[in-house]
């Protein structure tokens, strides 16, 4: 199957927050990644670790031309996207979907359930095709070999927080230089999100 993200834009299920209960951007991202892991059969903690590495587990995180923004609401994030020059790259949402390429300038990446569902489906498909979660993650990132190495190592370190003892990335070698700091950072964001879901 070719990569055609526009064909895989998720059909939104009933929003988990539709009962009027407001949750924080971090809690929304955590709930969405955990749900997508179950729905798509991903290893426990994998998509949550990806979100920790990509957005700090923040549903409305944006990277506009490389500059990070963490709006408190989806509406504020939409305004930033709408006001960004068309020539600027935009990575959006919980798992940092390319809003200009994959979302075709749509706002669906700012819906944590939609973006996590899309990412979970893509990762599961690539793992089936390649037989490796490491290769699936490298494909997810799609960057240069050096930036891909950094991402896989960040996700691997964060998996030690989201799923201690996981062997998902045992086939991937990482230098231990920043791993402890990366784990601590992931643990702080995960603990914050978990408190906010209660």
N, C-alpha and C. Protein backbone atom coordinates (compact mmCIF):
# COMPACT_ATOMS: atom_id res chain seq x y z
N UNK A 1 0.85 -1.18 0.00
CA UNK A 1 0.00 0.00 0.00
C UNK A 1 0.89 1.24 0.00
N UNK A 2 0.63 2.15 -0.89
CA UNK A 2 1.44 3.37 -0.93
C UNK A 2 1.06 4.29 0.23
N UNK A 3 1.94 5.22 0.52
CA UNK A 3 1.65 6.19 1.57
C UNK A 3 0.67 7.21 1.02
N UNK A 4 -0.50 7.23 1.53
CA UNK A 4 -1.52 8.17 1.08
C UNK A 4 -2.29 8.65 2.29
N UNK A 5 -1.67 9.49 3.12
CA UNK A 5 -2.31 9.91 4.37
C UNK A 5 -3.70 10.50 4.18
N UNK A 6 -3.93 11.21 3.07
CA UNK A 6 -5.24 11.81 2.88
C UNK A 6 -6.33 10.76 2.80
N UNK A 7 -5.97 9.52 2.40
CA UNK A 7 -6.95 8.45 2.35
C UNK A 7 -7.17 7.81 3.72
N UNK A 8 -6.28 8.12 4.65
CA UNK A 8 -6.35 7.50 5.97
C UNK A 8 -6.80 8.47 7.05
N UNK A 9 -7.29 9.64 6.64
CA UNK A 9 -7.78 10.59 7.64
C UNK A 9 -8.90 9.89 8.39
N UNK A 10 -8.80 9.84 9.71
CA UNK A 10 -9.76 9.05 10.47
C UNK A 10 -11.17 9.63 10.43
N UNK A 11 -12.11 8.72 10.45
CA UNK A 11 -13.50 9.11 10.66
C UNK A 11 -13.62 9.28 12.16
N UNK A 12 -13.99 10.46 12.59
CA UNK A 12 -13.98 10.74 14.01
C UNK A 12 -15.07 9.96 14.75
N UNK A 13 -14.61 9.26 15.78
CA UNK A 13 -15.55 8.60 16.66
C UNK A 13 -16.08 9.65 17.63
N UNK A 14 -17.05 9.29 18.41
CA UNK A 14 -17.57 10.23 19.39
C UNK A 14 -16.42 10.73 20.25
N UNK A 15 -16.33 12.02 20.35
CA UNK A 15 -15.25 12.63 21.11
C UNK A 15 -15.35 12.22 22.57
N UNK A 16 -14.23 11.76 23.13
CA UNK A 16 -14.23 11.30 24.52
C UNK A 16 -14.54 12.44 25.49
N UNK A 17 -14.43 13.66 25.03
CA UNK A 17 -14.69 14.78 25.90
C UNK A 17 -16.05 15.41 25.62
N UNK A 18 -16.92 14.69 24.90
CA UNK A 18 -18.21 15.25 24.49
C UNK A 18 -19.19 15.40 25.65
N UNK A 19 -18.89 14.79 26.77
CA UNK A 19 -19.82 14.89 27.90
C UNK A 19 -19.70 16.23 28.60
N UNK A 20 -18.91 17.15 28.03
CA UNK A 20 -18.77 18.47 28.63
C UNK A 20 -17.64 18.57 29.63
N UNK A 21 -16.96 17.47 29.89
CA UNK A 21 -15.84 17.50 30.82
C UNK A 21 -14.61 17.98 30.07
N UNK A 22 -14.03 19.07 30.51
CA UNK A 22 -12.84 19.60 29.88
C UNK A 22 -11.60 18.94 30.49
N UNK A 23 -10.69 18.55 29.64
CA UNK A 23 -9.43 18.01 30.12
C UNK A 23 -8.31 18.87 29.55
N UNK A 24 -7.18 18.84 30.19
CA UNK A 24 -6.03 19.62 29.75
C UNK A 24 -5.50 19.09 28.42
N UNK A 25 -4.71 19.90 27.70
CA UNK A 25 -4.11 19.41 26.45
C UNK A 25 -3.26 18.15 26.66
N UNK A 26 -2.55 18.05 27.78
CA UNK A 26 -1.72 16.87 28.03
C UNK A 26 -2.59 15.64 28.32
N UNK A 27 -3.62 15.82 29.12
CA UNK A 27 -4.52 14.69 29.42
C UNK A 27 -5.23 14.22 28.15
N UNK A 28 -5.65 15.17 27.31
CA UNK A 28 -6.34 14.81 26.06
C UNK A 28 -5.41 13.99 25.16
N UNK A 29 -4.17 14.38 25.08
CA UNK A 29 -3.20 13.66 24.26
C UNK A 29 -2.96 12.26 24.82
N UNK A 30 -2.79 12.16 26.13
CA UNK A 30 -2.55 10.86 26.76
C UNK A 30 -3.73 9.91 26.52
N UNK A 31 -4.94 10.38 26.76
CA UNK A 31 -6.11 9.54 26.55
C UNK A 31 -6.20 9.09 25.09
N UNK A 32 -5.90 9.99 24.17
CA UNK A 32 -5.99 9.67 22.74
C UNK A 32 -4.93 8.65 22.32
N UNK A 33 -3.70 8.80 22.80
CA UNK A 33 -2.65 7.86 22.39
C UNK A 33 -2.90 6.48 22.99
N UNK A 34 -3.35 6.43 24.23
CA UNK A 34 -3.64 5.13 24.85
C UNK A 34 -4.77 4.42 24.12
N UNK A 35 -5.79 5.17 23.74
CA UNK A 35 -6.91 4.59 22.99
C UNK A 35 -6.41 4.06 21.64
N UNK A 36 -5.62 4.86 20.93
CA UNK A 36 -5.13 4.45 19.60
C UNK A 36 -4.22 3.23 19.70
N UNK A 37 -3.44 3.13 20.76
CA UNK A 37 -2.60 1.93 20.95
C UNK A 37 -3.47 0.68 21.03
N UNK A 38 -4.57 0.76 21.77
CA UNK A 38 -5.47 -0.39 21.91
C UNK A 38 -6.17 -0.70 20.59
N UNK A 39 -6.70 0.33 19.95
CA UNK A 39 -7.48 0.14 18.72
C UNK A 39 -6.63 -0.47 17.61
N UNK A 40 -5.38 -0.02 17.48
CA UNK A 40 -4.54 -0.45 16.36
C UNK A 40 -3.55 -1.56 16.71
N UNK A 41 -3.61 -2.04 17.95
CA UNK A 41 -2.73 -3.15 18.34
C UNK A 41 -1.26 -2.76 18.46
N UNK A 42 -0.99 -1.53 18.83
CA UNK A 42 0.40 -1.10 19.02
C UNK A 42 0.91 -1.59 20.37
N UNK A 43 2.21 -1.76 20.51
CA UNK A 43 2.75 -2.11 21.83
C UNK A 43 2.35 -1.04 22.85
N UNK A 44 2.00 -1.48 24.04
CA UNK A 44 1.60 -0.56 25.10
C UNK A 44 2.69 0.49 25.32
N UNK A 45 2.29 1.74 25.30
CA UNK A 45 3.20 2.84 25.58
C UNK A 45 3.91 3.41 24.37
N UNK A 46 3.83 2.74 23.21
CA UNK A 46 4.59 3.20 22.04
C UNK A 46 4.11 4.55 21.53
N UNK A 47 2.82 4.70 21.25
CA UNK A 47 2.34 5.96 20.70
C UNK A 47 2.42 7.07 21.75
N UNK A 48 2.25 6.72 23.01
CA UNK A 48 2.41 7.71 24.08
C UNK A 48 3.86 8.18 24.12
N UNK A 49 4.80 7.28 23.95
CA UNK A 49 6.22 7.67 23.91
C UNK A 49 6.51 8.54 22.70
N UNK A 50 5.90 8.23 21.56
CA UNK A 50 6.07 9.06 20.36
C UNK A 50 5.54 10.47 20.65
N UNK A 51 4.36 10.56 21.26
CA UNK A 51 3.79 11.88 21.57
C UNK A 51 4.65 12.63 22.58
N UNK A 52 5.21 11.92 23.55
CA UNK A 52 6.12 12.57 24.50
C UNK A 52 7.32 13.15 23.77
N UNK A 53 7.86 12.40 22.80
CA UNK A 53 9.04 12.86 22.05
C UNK A 53 8.69 13.98 21.07
N UNK A 54 7.51 13.90 20.47
CA UNK A 54 7.16 14.86 19.42
C UNK A 54 6.59 16.17 19.96
N UNK A 55 5.71 16.09 20.97
CA UNK A 55 5.00 17.30 21.42
C UNK A 55 5.07 17.52 22.93
N UNK A 56 5.77 16.65 23.65
CA UNK A 56 5.70 16.73 25.10
C UNK A 56 4.34 16.31 25.62
N UNK A 57 3.63 15.50 24.82
CA UNK A 57 2.30 14.99 25.16
C UNK A 57 1.30 16.16 25.27
N UNK A 58 1.29 17.02 24.27
CA UNK A 58 0.43 18.22 24.25
C UNK A 58 -0.44 18.19 23.00
N UNK A 59 -1.75 18.17 23.20
CA UNK A 59 -2.70 18.00 22.10
C UNK A 59 -2.64 19.12 21.06
N UNK A 60 -2.28 20.33 21.47
CA UNK A 60 -2.35 21.47 20.56
C UNK A 60 -0.97 22.04 20.24
N UNK A 61 0.07 21.28 20.49
CA UNK A 61 1.43 21.75 20.22
C UNK A 61 1.60 22.03 18.74
N UNK A 62 2.34 23.08 18.45
CA UNK A 62 2.64 23.45 17.07
C UNK A 62 4.12 23.73 16.94
N UNK A 63 4.66 23.36 15.81
CA UNK A 63 5.99 23.80 15.42
C UNK A 63 5.81 24.51 14.09
N UNK A 64 5.91 25.81 14.12
CA UNK A 64 5.73 26.63 12.91
C UNK A 64 7.10 27.13 12.49
N UNK A 65 7.57 26.63 11.36
CA UNK A 65 8.90 26.96 10.85
C UNK A 65 9.96 26.70 11.92
N UNK A 66 9.78 25.63 12.68
CA UNK A 66 10.76 25.24 13.69
C UNK A 66 10.60 25.90 15.04
N UNK A 67 9.65 26.81 15.19
CA UNK A 67 9.43 27.48 16.48
C UNK A 67 8.26 26.83 17.20
N UNK A 68 8.49 26.42 18.45
CA UNK A 68 7.47 25.70 19.22
C UNK A 68 6.45 26.64 19.85
N UNK A 69 5.20 26.20 19.82
CA UNK A 69 4.09 26.90 20.46
C UNK A 69 3.26 25.85 21.20
N UNK A 70 2.76 26.22 22.38
CA UNK A 70 1.93 25.31 23.16
C UNK A 70 0.65 26.03 23.59
N UNK A 71 -0.28 26.26 22.65
CA UNK A 71 -1.52 26.95 22.98
C UNK A 71 -2.35 26.15 23.98
N UNK A 72 -3.10 26.87 24.79
CA UNK A 72 -3.91 26.23 25.82
C UNK A 72 -5.19 25.61 25.26
N UNK A 73 -5.62 26.10 24.10
CA UNK A 73 -6.88 25.60 23.53
C UNK A 73 -6.72 25.28 22.05
N UNK A 74 -7.63 24.46 21.54
CA UNK A 74 -7.64 24.16 20.11
C UNK A 74 -7.91 25.42 19.29
N UNK A 75 -8.78 26.28 19.81
CA UNK A 75 -9.10 27.51 19.09
C UNK A 75 -7.86 28.39 18.93
N UNK A 76 -7.07 28.52 19.99
CA UNK A 76 -5.85 29.32 19.91
C UNK A 76 -4.85 28.70 18.93
N UNK A 77 -4.79 27.37 18.91
CA UNK A 77 -3.89 26.70 17.97
C UNK A 77 -4.36 26.92 16.53
N UNK A 78 -5.66 26.85 16.31
CA UNK A 78 -6.20 27.09 14.97
C UNK A 78 -5.85 28.50 14.48
N UNK A 79 -5.93 29.48 15.38
CA UNK A 79 -5.59 30.86 14.99
C UNK A 79 -4.13 30.96 14.56
N UNK A 80 -3.25 30.30 15.31
CA UNK A 80 -1.83 30.33 14.94
C UNK A 80 -1.61 29.68 13.57
N UNK A 81 -2.28 28.57 13.33
CA UNK A 81 -2.17 27.90 12.03
C UNK A 81 -2.71 28.80 10.92
N UNK A 82 -3.87 29.38 11.15
CA UNK A 82 -4.50 30.23 10.13
C UNK A 82 -3.66 31.46 9.81
N UNK A 83 -2.95 31.98 10.81
CA UNK A 83 -2.17 33.21 10.62
C UNK A 83 -0.74 32.95 10.13
N UNK A 84 -0.34 31.70 10.07
CA UNK A 84 1.03 31.39 9.62
C UNK A 84 1.12 31.59 8.11
N UNK A 85 2.22 32.19 7.65
CA UNK A 85 2.40 32.34 6.20
C UNK A 85 2.35 30.97 5.51
N UNK A 86 1.79 30.93 4.32
CA UNK A 86 1.62 29.68 3.58
C UNK A 86 2.94 28.98 3.30
N UNK A 87 4.02 29.73 3.27
CA UNK A 87 5.33 29.14 2.97
C UNK A 87 5.96 28.46 4.18
N UNK A 88 5.40 28.65 5.36
CA UNK A 88 5.98 28.09 6.59
C UNK A 88 5.51 26.67 6.82
N UNK A 89 6.45 25.81 7.23
CA UNK A 89 6.07 24.44 7.58
C UNK A 89 5.36 24.46 8.93
N UNK A 90 4.39 23.57 9.07
CA UNK A 90 3.64 23.47 10.33
C UNK A 90 3.50 22.01 10.70
N UNK A 91 4.02 21.67 11.87
CA UNK A 91 3.78 20.36 12.47
C UNK A 91 2.78 20.62 13.59
N UNK A 92 1.73 19.81 13.64
CA UNK A 92 0.62 20.14 14.53
C UNK A 92 0.15 18.96 15.36
N UNK A 93 -0.22 19.27 16.60
CA UNK A 93 -0.92 18.34 17.45
C UNK A 93 -0.06 17.39 18.26
N UNK A 94 -0.76 16.48 18.86
CA UNK A 94 -0.22 15.50 19.80
C UNK A 94 0.97 14.73 19.25
N UNK A 95 0.87 14.26 18.01
CA UNK A 95 1.95 13.47 17.42
C UNK A 95 2.67 14.22 16.30
N UNK A 96 2.39 15.53 16.17
CA UNK A 96 3.06 16.41 15.21
C UNK A 96 2.91 15.95 13.76
N UNK A 97 1.68 16.00 13.29
CA UNK A 97 1.35 15.70 11.91
C UNK A 97 1.72 16.91 11.06
N UNK A 98 2.27 16.68 9.88
CA UNK A 98 2.61 17.78 8.98
C UNK A 98 1.30 18.35 8.42
N UNK A 99 0.94 19.53 8.92
CA UNK A 99 -0.36 20.12 8.56
C UNK A 99 -0.42 20.56 7.11
N UNK A 100 0.72 20.89 6.53
CA UNK A 100 0.74 21.35 5.14
C UNK A 100 0.69 20.16 4.17
N UNK A 101 1.30 19.05 4.54
CA UNK A 101 1.38 17.90 3.63
C UNK A 101 0.30 16.87 3.94
N UNK A 102 0.34 16.28 5.12
CA UNK A 102 -0.57 15.18 5.44
C UNK A 102 -2.00 15.66 5.70
N UNK A 103 -2.13 16.83 6.29
CA UNK A 103 -3.47 17.32 6.62
C UNK A 103 -4.03 18.24 5.54
N UNK A 104 -3.22 18.54 4.54
CA UNK A 104 -3.67 19.42 3.45
C UNK A 104 -4.31 20.69 4.00
N UNK A 105 -3.63 21.29 4.98
CA UNK A 105 -4.06 22.55 5.60
C UNK A 105 -5.38 22.43 6.37
N UNK A 106 -5.77 21.23 6.72
CA UNK A 106 -6.95 21.00 7.55
C UNK A 106 -6.54 21.09 9.02
N UNK A 107 -7.52 21.25 9.89
CA UNK A 107 -7.22 21.35 11.33
C UNK A 107 -7.33 20.02 12.07
N UNK A 108 -7.59 18.90 11.37
CA UNK A 108 -7.81 17.65 12.09
C UNK A 108 -6.63 17.23 12.95
N UNK A 109 -5.36 17.59 12.66
CA UNK A 109 -4.28 17.18 13.56
C UNK A 109 -4.40 17.78 14.97
N UNK A 110 -5.20 18.83 15.11
CA UNK A 110 -5.38 19.44 16.43
C UNK A 110 -6.43 18.72 17.26
N UNK A 111 -7.11 17.75 16.67
CA UNK A 111 -8.02 16.89 17.43
C UNK A 111 -7.18 15.70 17.89
N UNK A 112 -6.91 15.57 19.18
CA UNK A 112 -6.01 14.52 19.64
C UNK A 112 -6.47 13.11 19.27
N UNK A 113 -7.78 12.85 19.29
CA UNK A 113 -8.27 11.53 18.91
C UNK A 113 -8.00 11.24 17.44
N UNK A 114 -8.24 12.23 16.59
CA UNK A 114 -8.03 12.05 15.15
C UNK A 114 -6.55 11.85 14.83
N UNK A 115 -5.69 12.69 15.41
CA UNK A 115 -4.27 12.58 15.07
C UNK A 115 -3.66 11.29 15.62
N UNK A 116 -4.05 10.90 16.83
CA UNK A 116 -3.52 9.66 17.40
C UNK A 116 -4.04 8.45 16.63
N UNK A 117 -5.29 8.51 16.21
CA UNK A 117 -5.87 7.40 15.43
C UNK A 117 -5.14 7.27 14.10
N UNK A 118 -4.91 8.38 13.43
CA UNK A 118 -4.19 8.37 12.15
C UNK A 118 -2.78 7.82 12.34
N UNK A 119 -2.07 8.34 13.35
CA UNK A 119 -0.69 7.90 13.60
C UNK A 119 -0.66 6.42 13.96
N UNK A 120 -1.58 5.98 14.81
CA UNK A 120 -1.63 4.57 15.20
C UNK A 120 -1.86 3.67 14.01
N UNK A 121 -2.76 4.07 13.11
CA UNK A 121 -3.02 3.29 11.92
C UNK A 121 -1.81 3.21 11.00
N UNK A 122 -1.12 4.35 10.82
CA UNK A 122 0.07 4.37 9.97
C UNK A 122 1.18 3.51 10.57
N UNK A 123 1.43 3.67 11.87
CA UNK A 123 2.50 2.90 12.52
C UNK A 123 2.20 1.40 12.44
N UNK A 124 0.96 1.01 12.69
CA UNK A 124 0.60 -0.42 12.64
C UNK A 124 0.79 -0.97 11.23
N UNK A 125 0.39 -0.20 10.24
CA UNK A 125 0.54 -0.64 8.86
C UNK A 125 2.02 -0.83 8.51
N UNK A 126 2.84 0.16 8.87
CA UNK A 126 4.26 0.07 8.53
C UNK A 126 4.94 -1.06 9.28
N UNK A 127 4.53 -1.32 10.51
CA UNK A 127 5.11 -2.44 11.26
C UNK A 127 4.74 -3.77 10.61
N UNK A 128 3.50 -3.88 10.14
CA UNK A 128 3.09 -5.11 9.43
C UNK A 128 3.90 -5.28 8.15
N UNK A 129 4.10 -4.19 7.42
CA UNK A 129 4.83 -4.26 6.15
C UNK A 129 6.31 -4.58 6.33
N UNK A 130 6.91 -4.05 7.40
CA UNK A 130 8.36 -4.18 7.58
C UNK A 130 8.76 -5.22 8.61
N UNK A 131 7.83 -5.60 9.50
CA UNK A 131 8.14 -6.55 10.55
C UNK A 131 8.93 -5.95 11.70
N UNK A 132 9.01 -4.62 11.77
CA UNK A 132 9.82 -3.97 12.80
C UNK A 132 9.19 -2.66 13.24
N UNK A 133 9.05 -2.51 14.56
CA UNK A 133 8.56 -1.23 15.09
C UNK A 133 9.60 -0.14 14.92
N UNK A 134 10.88 -0.48 14.97
CA UNK A 134 11.94 0.52 14.76
C UNK A 134 11.87 1.09 13.36
N UNK A 135 11.70 0.22 12.38
CA UNK A 135 11.60 0.69 10.99
C UNK A 135 10.32 1.50 10.81
N UNK A 136 9.23 1.05 11.42
CA UNK A 136 7.97 1.79 11.33
C UNK A 136 8.14 3.19 11.90
N UNK A 137 8.83 3.31 13.02
CA UNK A 137 9.05 4.62 13.63
C UNK A 137 9.96 5.48 12.76
N UNK A 138 10.99 4.88 12.18
CA UNK A 138 11.86 5.65 11.28
C UNK A 138 11.07 6.16 10.08
N UNK A 139 10.20 5.32 9.59
CA UNK A 139 9.37 5.73 8.46
C UNK A 139 8.40 6.83 8.87
N UNK A 140 7.86 6.71 10.08
CA UNK A 140 6.96 7.75 10.62
C UNK A 140 7.67 9.10 10.60
N UNK A 141 8.90 9.11 11.05
CA UNK A 141 9.64 10.37 11.15
C UNK A 141 9.99 10.92 9.77
N UNK A 142 10.52 10.08 8.92
CA UNK A 142 10.80 10.48 7.55
C UNK A 142 11.87 11.54 7.37
N UNK A 143 12.67 11.81 8.39
CA UNK A 143 13.70 12.84 8.28
C UNK A 143 15.04 12.28 7.84
N UNK A 144 16.05 13.08 8.01
CA UNK A 144 17.41 12.67 7.68
C UNK A 144 17.83 11.52 8.58
N UNK A 145 18.84 10.75 8.19
CA UNK A 145 19.29 9.66 9.06
C UNK A 145 19.68 10.14 10.46
N UNK A 146 20.34 11.30 10.56
CA UNK A 146 20.76 11.80 11.88
C UNK A 146 19.55 12.19 12.73
N UNK A 147 18.58 12.91 12.15
CA UNK A 147 17.42 13.31 12.95
C UNK A 147 16.55 12.11 13.28
N UNK A 148 16.50 11.14 12.39
CA UNK A 148 15.74 9.92 12.67
C UNK A 148 16.37 9.14 13.81
N UNK A 149 17.70 9.04 13.82
CA UNK A 149 18.41 8.37 14.92
C UNK A 149 18.07 9.05 16.25
N UNK A 150 18.08 10.38 16.27
CA UNK A 150 17.76 11.11 17.50
C UNK A 150 16.34 10.82 17.96
N UNK A 151 15.38 10.82 17.01
CA UNK A 151 13.98 10.57 17.38
C UNK A 151 13.81 9.16 17.94
N UNK A 152 14.34 8.16 17.25
CA UNK A 152 14.17 6.78 17.73
C UNK A 152 14.78 6.64 19.12
N UNK A 153 15.92 7.26 19.35
CA UNK A 153 16.54 7.17 20.68
C UNK A 153 15.73 7.90 21.73
N UNK A 154 15.11 9.05 21.37
CA UNK A 154 14.24 9.75 22.32
C UNK A 154 13.02 8.89 22.65
N UNK A 155 12.41 8.29 21.61
CA UNK A 155 11.23 7.45 21.84
C UNK A 155 11.62 6.22 22.66
N UNK A 156 12.76 5.64 22.37
CA UNK A 156 13.23 4.47 23.12
C UNK A 156 13.38 4.82 24.61
N UNK A 157 13.98 5.98 24.90
CA UNK A 157 14.14 6.41 26.30
C UNK A 157 12.78 6.68 26.95
N UNK A 158 11.86 7.26 26.21
CA UNK A 158 10.54 7.56 26.77
C UNK A 158 9.71 6.30 26.95
N UNK A 159 9.97 5.27 26.12
CA UNK A 159 9.31 3.97 26.31
C UNK A 159 9.69 3.36 27.65
N UNK A 160 10.88 3.68 28.15
CA UNK A 160 11.28 3.19 29.47
C UNK A 160 10.40 3.79 30.56
N UNK A 161 9.73 4.90 30.26
CA UNK A 161 8.80 5.54 31.19
C UNK A 161 7.38 5.04 30.94
N UNK A 162 6.97 4.96 29.66
CA UNK A 162 5.59 4.60 29.34
C UNK A 162 5.33 3.10 29.42
N UNK A 163 6.38 2.30 29.24
CA UNK A 163 6.25 0.84 29.27
C UNK A 163 7.56 0.22 29.74
N UNK A 164 7.87 0.37 31.04
CA UNK A 164 9.14 -0.13 31.56
C UNK A 164 9.34 -1.61 31.22
N UNK A 165 10.55 -1.94 30.77
CA UNK A 165 10.86 -3.32 30.44
C UNK A 165 10.51 -3.73 29.02
N UNK A 166 9.93 -2.80 28.25
CA UNK A 166 9.56 -3.12 26.87
C UNK A 166 10.80 -3.44 26.04
N UNK A 167 10.67 -4.41 25.14
CA UNK A 167 11.79 -4.76 24.26
C UNK A 167 11.52 -4.33 22.82
N UNK A 168 10.60 -3.39 22.63
CA UNK A 168 10.20 -2.95 21.29
C UNK A 168 11.40 -2.47 20.47
N UNK A 169 12.32 -1.77 21.10
CA UNK A 169 13.46 -1.22 20.36
C UNK A 169 14.77 -1.89 20.71
N UNK A 170 14.71 -3.17 21.07
CA UNK A 170 15.95 -3.87 21.41
C UNK A 170 16.89 -3.98 20.22
N UNK A 171 16.36 -3.84 19.01
CA UNK A 171 17.19 -3.92 17.81
C UNK A 171 17.82 -2.57 17.44
N UNK A 172 17.64 -1.56 18.27
CA UNK A 172 18.13 -0.22 17.97
C UNK A 172 19.14 0.21 19.03
N UNK A 173 20.30 0.66 18.58
CA UNK A 173 21.37 1.06 19.48
C UNK A 173 21.41 2.57 19.65
N UNK A 174 21.44 3.01 20.90
CA UNK A 174 21.48 4.44 21.21
C UNK A 174 22.61 4.72 22.21
N UNK A 175 23.28 5.85 22.02
CA UNK A 175 24.26 6.30 23.01
C UNK A 175 23.51 6.69 24.27
N UNK A 176 24.11 6.51 25.41
CA UNK A 176 23.41 6.76 26.67
C UNK A 176 23.53 8.20 27.16
N UNK A 177 24.18 9.07 26.41
CA UNK A 177 24.44 10.44 26.83
C UNK A 177 23.25 11.22 27.35
N UNK A 178 22.18 11.31 26.57
CA UNK A 178 21.02 12.11 26.95
C UNK A 178 19.85 11.26 27.44
N UNK A 179 20.02 9.96 27.50
CA UNK A 179 18.89 9.08 27.80
C UNK A 179 18.27 9.36 29.17
N UNK A 180 19.07 9.58 30.18
CA UNK A 180 18.53 9.81 31.52
C UNK A 180 17.72 11.10 31.58
N UNK A 181 18.24 12.16 30.98
CA UNK A 181 17.51 13.44 30.96
C UNK A 181 16.22 13.29 30.16
N UNK A 182 16.27 12.57 29.05
CA UNK A 182 15.09 12.33 28.23
C UNK A 182 14.04 11.55 29.01
N UNK A 183 14.47 10.53 29.76
CA UNK A 183 13.54 9.76 30.59
C UNK A 183 12.90 10.64 31.66
N UNK A 184 13.71 11.46 32.33
CA UNK A 184 13.17 12.34 33.38
C UNK A 184 12.14 13.30 32.81
N UNK A 185 12.45 13.90 31.67
CA UNK A 185 11.54 14.83 31.02
C UNK A 185 10.23 14.11 30.67
N UNK A 186 10.33 12.92 30.11
CA UNK A 186 9.14 12.15 29.77
C UNK A 186 8.32 11.79 30.99
N UNK A 187 9.01 11.43 32.08
CA UNK A 187 8.31 11.06 33.32
C UNK A 187 7.52 12.24 33.88
N UNK A 188 8.09 13.44 33.81
CA UNK A 188 7.40 14.63 34.31
C UNK A 188 6.15 14.91 33.50
N UNK A 189 6.25 14.90 32.17
CA UNK A 189 5.08 15.17 31.33
C UNK A 189 4.02 14.08 31.48
N UNK A 190 4.45 12.83 31.56
CA UNK A 190 3.50 11.74 31.72
C UNK A 190 2.77 11.84 33.05
N UNK A 191 3.50 12.12 34.12
CA UNK A 191 2.88 12.25 35.44
C UNK A 191 1.88 13.40 35.46
N UNK A 192 2.22 14.51 34.82
CA UNK A 192 1.30 15.65 34.74
C UNK A 192 0.02 15.25 34.02
N UNK A 193 0.16 14.59 32.89
CA UNK A 193 -1.02 14.16 32.12
C UNK A 193 -1.86 13.17 32.92
N UNK A 194 -1.20 12.23 33.60
CA UNK A 194 -1.96 11.24 34.38
C UNK A 194 -2.74 11.90 35.50
N UNK A 195 -2.15 12.88 36.18
CA UNK A 195 -2.86 13.60 37.25
C UNK A 195 -4.07 14.30 36.68
N UNK A 196 -3.94 14.85 35.49
CA UNK A 196 -5.01 15.66 34.90
C UNK A 196 -6.14 14.80 34.33
N UNK A 197 -5.93 13.50 34.20
CA UNK A 197 -7.02 12.63 33.72
C UNK A 197 -7.88 12.13 34.87
N UNK A 198 -7.46 12.35 36.09
CA UNK A 198 -8.19 11.82 37.25
C UNK A 198 -9.26 12.77 37.72
